[in-house]
């Protein structure tokens, strides 16, 4: 069967990105699977319709070369899955400014960089699909996630606004909002034990989050939602992904701010 559609995926080396790459492959899409260290990837390289390409979303030249390589191999790119990202957690006071820049450079500027890299292609085609992986962390927050949640709230806002102008060039934009997921998603923890005031909340978050994470969804479940968003032909904009995401988003919509904040403090024994 001819592979008629092509998707460009960032952060495809593991977790949600890799499961999405495999799922689109199984459904006869061409896949441009991008990652920072393609030499370490073996599984995806076995598939004829998957091109594994080096990409760091913080590097303009690598974005251009990855897009060019994909077009050279498949002749067309129909969809972009902006999945690459990581999280920094910890007290803002002890977080170096370079780490703050790194969080937003990857999760926000990197997403915009890859999007800009594909827009001339989509505009020329008068067609395209952009799937931005946000998070329920772009709707609700956990303690000590100032940077990560800030970046994901930004993704929510920029994606919504972007959707208006994209319609002018025939491009559809959608948001994927995974909940807690059983992946090796990179989280960096900032701490400085010489500042004792924050040690209690750091400990309580660590203890309280472990059982939450253990109940997370499999990355393959999130990939199924991504594939559905890419192929359902609807105008639906947001796709909560994972059993906990659906429940938590619904709960947040009906709570006022005071109730949400009180519940979150209670959940992590912060009162």
Protein backbone atom coordinates (compact mmCIF):
# COMPACT_ATOMS: atom_id res chain seq x y z
CA UNK A 1 0.00 0.00 0.00
CA UNK A 2 1.31 3.44 -0.92
CA UNK A 3 2.21 5.71 1.95
CA UNK A 4 0.28 8.83 1.04
CA UNK A 5 0.71 11.08 4.07
CA UNK A 6 3.82 12.20 5.94
CA UNK A 7 4.17 13.40 9.53
CA UNK A 8 7.17 15.22 11.03
CA UNK A 9 7.62 14.33 14.72
CA UNK A 10 9.94 16.01 17.22
CA UNK A 11 11.24 14.19 20.28
CA UNK A 12 10.73 10.75 18.68
CA UNK A 13 13.52 8.92 20.51
CA UNK A 14 11.33 7.69 23.37
CA UNK A 15 8.02 7.93 25.17
CA UNK A 16 5.05 9.57 23.48
CA UNK A 17 7.02 10.65 20.41
CA UNK A 18 8.35 7.19 19.67
CA UNK A 19 5.00 5.50 20.27
CA UNK A 20 3.37 8.04 17.94
CA UNK A 21 6.01 7.35 15.28
CA UNK A 22 5.32 3.62 15.47
CA UNK A 23 1.55 4.08 15.41
CA UNK A 24 1.58 6.35 12.36
CA UNK A 25 3.96 3.90 10.67
CA UNK A 26 1.57 1.01 11.34
CA UNK A 27 -1.21 3.07 9.78
CA UNK A 28 0.75 3.56 6.57
CA UNK A 29 2.00 7.09 7.09
CA UNK A 30 5.49 8.17 6.16
CA UNK A 31 7.24 9.32 9.35
CA UNK A 32 10.07 11.80 9.77
CA UNK A 33 11.21 10.84 13.27
CA UNK A 34 13.50 13.53 14.64
CA UNK A 35 15.70 13.33 17.71
CA UNK A 36 18.90 14.77 19.14
CA UNK A 37 20.86 11.50 18.99
CA UNK A 38 19.72 9.46 15.96
CA UNK A 39 22.80 7.23 16.16
CA UNK A 40 21.29 5.63 19.26
CA UNK A 41 18.01 4.73 17.56
CA UNK A 42 17.66 1.20 16.19
CA UNK A 43 13.98 0.24 16.16
CA UNK A 44 12.60 3.03 13.99
CA UNK A 45 15.41 2.64 11.46
CA UNK A 46 14.08 -0.81 10.59
CA UNK A 47 10.97 0.63 8.94
CA UNK A 48 11.08 1.54 5.24
CA UNK A 49 8.71 4.46 5.55
CA UNK A 50 10.43 6.04 8.58
CA UNK A 51 13.27 8.54 8.20
CA UNK A 52 15.28 9.10 11.39
CA UNK A 53 16.84 12.57 11.39
CA UNK A 54 18.95 14.59 13.79
CA UNK A 55 17.13 17.56 15.28
CA UNK A 56 17.58 19.79 18.29
CA UNK A 57 14.65 22.20 18.42
CA UNK A 58 16.94 24.92 19.78
CA UNK A 59 19.06 24.89 16.59
CA UNK A 60 17.83 26.80 13.52
CA UNK A 61 20.18 25.02 11.12
CA UNK A 62 19.12 21.57 12.30
CA UNK A 63 15.45 22.45 11.86
CA UNK A 64 16.09 23.54 8.28
CA UNK A 65 18.14 20.47 7.45
CA UNK A 66 15.59 18.09 9.00
CA UNK A 67 12.73 19.62 7.02
CA UNK A 68 14.81 19.48 3.84
CA UNK A 69 15.73 15.85 4.45
CA UNK A 70 12.11 14.93 4.97
CA UNK A 71 11.00 16.65 1.78
CA UNK A 72 13.81 15.05 -0.18
CA UNK A 73 12.82 11.58 1.06
CA UNK A 74 9.03 11.79 0.86
CA UNK A 75 8.30 14.81 -1.34
CA UNK A 76 5.65 16.21 0.97
CA UNK A 77 4.95 16.83 4.67
CA UNK A 78 1.33 16.83 5.73
CA UNK A 79 1.51 17.12 9.51
CA UNK A 80 3.77 18.32 12.30
CA UNK A 81 3.73 16.83 15.79
CA UNK A 82 5.51 19.19 18.18
CA UNK A 83 6.32 16.77 20.98
CA UNK A 84 9.87 17.57 22.14
CA UNK A 85 10.15 19.01 25.63
CA UNK A 86 11.30 18.55 29.21
CA UNK A 87 10.47 19.84 32.67
CA UNK A 88 12.29 21.80 35.36
CA UNK A 89 10.87 21.69 38.88
CA UNK A 90 12.10 23.45 41.98
CA UNK A 91 11.98 26.74 43.85
CA UNK A 92 12.32 29.71 41.54
CA UNK A 93 14.72 31.45 43.91
CA UNK A 94 17.39 28.75 43.56
CA UNK A 95 16.92 28.15 39.82
CA UNK A 96 19.70 29.68 37.68
CA UNK A 97 18.56 32.08 34.99
CA UNK A 98 20.18 29.90 32.32
CA UNK A 99 17.86 27.05 33.36
CA UNK A 100 14.88 29.36 33.03
CA UNK A 101 15.98 30.23 29.50
CA UNK A 102 16.55 26.55 28.67
CA UNK A 103 13.03 25.60 29.76
CA UNK A 104 11.37 28.18 27.54
CA UNK A 105 13.89 27.81 24.71
CA UNK A 106 12.97 24.14 24.37
CA UNK A 107 9.27 23.98 25.23
CA UNK A 108 8.16 27.28 23.71
CA UNK A 109 10.74 28.78 21.35
CA UNK A 110 11.67 25.32 20.05
CA UNK A 111 8.04 24.56 19.25
CA UNK A 112 7.73 27.87 17.42
CA UNK A 113 11.01 27.26 15.60
CA UNK A 114 9.92 23.92 14.17
CA UNK A 115 6.50 25.33 13.33
CA UNK A 116 8.09 28.22 11.42
CA UNK A 117 10.28 25.69 9.63
CA UNK A 118 7.21 23.86 8.28
CA UNK A 119 4.94 26.82 7.57
CA UNK A 120 6.38 27.65 4.12
CA UNK A 121 5.75 24.02 3.16
CA UNK A 122 2.18 24.06 4.41
CA UNK A 123 1.49 27.46 2.86
CA UNK A 124 2.72 26.28 -0.54
CA UNK A 125 0.49 23.21 -0.26
CA UNK A 126 -2.44 25.23 1.09
CA UNK A 127 -2.83 22.38 3.54
CA UNK A 128 -1.28 21.04 6.72
CA UNK A 129 -1.89 19.95 10.28
CA UNK A 130 -0.08 21.12 13.43
CA UNK A 131 -0.44 19.02 16.57
CA UNK A 132 1.10 20.68 19.61
CA UNK A 133 1.70 18.51 22.66
CA UNK A 134 0.83 20.63 25.66
CA UNK A 135 -0.11 18.96 28.95
CA UNK A 136 -2.72 19.09 31.63
CA UNK A 137 0.15 21.08 33.12
CA UNK A 138 -1.00 23.85 30.79
CA UNK A 139 -4.38 23.89 32.54
CA UNK A 140 -3.60 22.94 36.15
CA UNK A 141 -0.41 23.29 38.17
CA UNK A 142 1.57 21.31 40.70
CA UNK A 143 3.76 22.99 43.33
CA UNK A 144 7.33 23.92 42.31
CA UNK A 145 6.46 23.79 38.59
CA UNK A 146 6.71 27.51 37.90
CA UNK A 147 8.87 27.04 34.80
CA UNK A 148 7.35 23.88 33.36
CA UNK A 149 3.77 25.02 33.84
CA UNK A 150 4.65 28.48 32.61
CA UNK A 151 5.97 26.96 29.39
CA UNK A 152 2.91 24.76 28.90
CA UNK A 153 0.46 27.59 29.64
CA UNK A 154 2.36 29.47 26.93
CA UNK A 155 1.89 26.57 24.52
CA UNK A 156 -1.83 26.61 25.21
CA UNK A 157 -2.12 30.32 24.48
CA UNK A 158 0.11 30.49 21.43
CA UNK A 159 -1.57 27.45 19.87
CA UNK A 160 -5.04 28.90 20.32
CA UNK A 161 -4.05 32.22 18.83
CA UNK A 162 -2.07 30.56 16.03
CA UNK A 163 -5.16 28.67 14.94
CA UNK A 164 -6.76 31.86 13.60
CA UNK A 165 -3.97 32.81 11.20
CA UNK A 166 -3.35 29.21 10.15
CA UNK A 167 -6.86 28.99 8.72
CA UNK A 168 -5.80 31.63 6.20
CA UNK A 169 -3.32 29.19 4.65
CA UNK A 170 -5.41 26.04 4.98
CA UNK A 171 -3.69 24.68 8.09
CA UNK A 172 -5.51 23.02 11.00
CA UNK A 173 -4.09 23.40 14.52
CA UNK A 174 -4.86 21.12 17.49
CA UNK A 175 -3.72 20.73 21.09
CA UNK A 176 -2.92 17.42 22.76
CA UNK A 177 -3.08 17.56 26.57
CA UNK A 178 -1.57 14.41 28.14
CA UNK A 179 -1.93 13.70 31.80
CA UNK A 180 0.69 11.89 33.86
CA UNK A 181 2.36 9.35 31.61
CA UNK A 182 4.60 6.37 32.27
CA UNK A 183 7.62 7.57 30.31
CA UNK A 184 11.20 8.59 30.97
CA UNK A 185 10.21 12.22 30.40
CA UNK A 186 13.19 14.29 31.46
CA UNK A 187 12.63 16.24 34.68
CA UNK A 188 15.38 18.35 36.21
CA UNK A 189 15.01 19.19 39.88
CA UNK A 190 16.46 22.41 41.20
CA UNK A 191 17.40 22.56 44.87
CA UNK A 192 19.80 24.29 47.23
CA UNK A 193 19.88 22.73 50.68
CA UNK A 194 21.50 25.86 52.07
CA UNK A 195 18.06 27.46 51.73
CA UNK A 196 16.10 25.44 54.33
CA UNK A 197 12.76 27.18 53.88
CA UNK A 198 11.99 25.20 50.70
CA UNK A 199 13.08 21.75 51.84
CA UNK A 200 9.71 20.83 53.30
CA UNK A 201 7.73 21.52 50.14
CA UNK A 202 10.35 19.75 48.02
CA UNK A 203 10.08 16.63 50.18
CA UNK A 204 6.28 16.70 50.24
CA UNK A 205 6.05 17.09 46.47
CA UNK A 206 8.41 14.17 45.92
CA UNK A 207 6.45 11.95 48.28
CA UNK A 208 3.06 13.04 47.01
CA UNK A 209 3.78 12.84 43.30
CA UNK A 210 5.17 9.27 43.24
CA UNK A 211 1.76 7.57 43.60
CA UNK A 212 0.24 9.98 41.07
CA UNK A 213 2.90 9.14 38.51
CA UNK A 214 2.47 5.41 39.13
CA UNK A 215 -1.16 5.65 38.01
CA UNK A 216 -0.27 7.42 34.76
CA UNK A 217 -1.24 6.33 31.26
CA UNK A 218 0.96 4.35 28.91
CA UNK A 219 2.60 6.43 26.16
CA UNK A 220 0.87 4.21 23.60
CA UNK A 221 -2.48 5.43 24.96
CA UNK A 222 -1.44 9.04 24.41
CA UNK A 223 -0.25 8.15 20.90
CA UNK A 224 -3.71 6.79 20.12
CA UNK A 225 -5.24 10.15 21.02
CA UNK A 226 -2.69 11.93 18.83
CA UNK A 227 -3.51 9.67 15.90
CA UNK A 228 -7.23 10.23 16.42
CA UNK A 229 -6.69 13.99 16.46
CA UNK A 230 -4.74 13.73 13.21
CA UNK A 231 -7.33 11.65 11.40
CA UNK A 232 -10.80 12.38 12.78
CA UNK A 233 -11.43 15.17 10.27
CA UNK A 234 -13.10 17.32 12.92
CA UNK A 235 -12.69 20.93 13.99
CA UNK A 236 -12.09 19.85 17.57
CA UNK A 237 -9.27 21.90 19.11
CA UNK A 238 -8.35 20.29 22.47
CA UNK A 239 -7.71 16.61 23.16
CA UNK A 240 -7.15 15.66 26.82
CA UNK A 241 -5.18 12.41 26.68
CA UNK A 242 -5.23 9.79 29.42
CA UNK A 243 -7.82 8.86 32.01
CA UNK A 244 -6.45 11.27 34.61
CA UNK A 245 -6.28 14.15 32.13
CA UNK A 246 -9.95 13.90 31.28
CA UNK A 247 -10.95 13.81 34.96
CA UNK A 248 -8.60 16.57 36.10
CA UNK A 249 -9.49 18.94 33.27
CA UNK A 250 -13.21 18.45 33.92
CA UNK A 251 -12.71 19.05 37.65
CA UNK A 252 -10.69 22.22 37.07
CA UNK A 253 -13.35 23.66 34.79
CA UNK A 254 -15.97 23.60 37.54
CA UNK A 255 -13.75 24.73 40.44
CA UNK A 256 -13.06 28.32 41.34
CA UNK A 257 -9.44 29.28 41.98
CA UNK A 258 -9.70 29.19 45.75
CA UNK A 259 -11.08 25.64 45.72
CA UNK A 260 -8.46 24.39 43.27
CA UNK A 261 -5.55 25.88 45.23
CA UNK A 262 -6.89 24.57 48.52
CA UNK A 263 -7.35 21.07 47.06
CA UNK A 264 -3.83 21.06 45.63
CA UNK A 265 -2.30 22.17 48.94
CA UNK A 266 -4.24 19.43 50.71
CA UNK A 267 -3.16 16.82 48.17
CA UNK A 268 0.49 17.50 48.94
CA UNK A 269 -0.05 18.16 52.67
CA UNK A 270 1.08 21.77 52.37
CA UNK A 271 -1.33 23.21 54.94
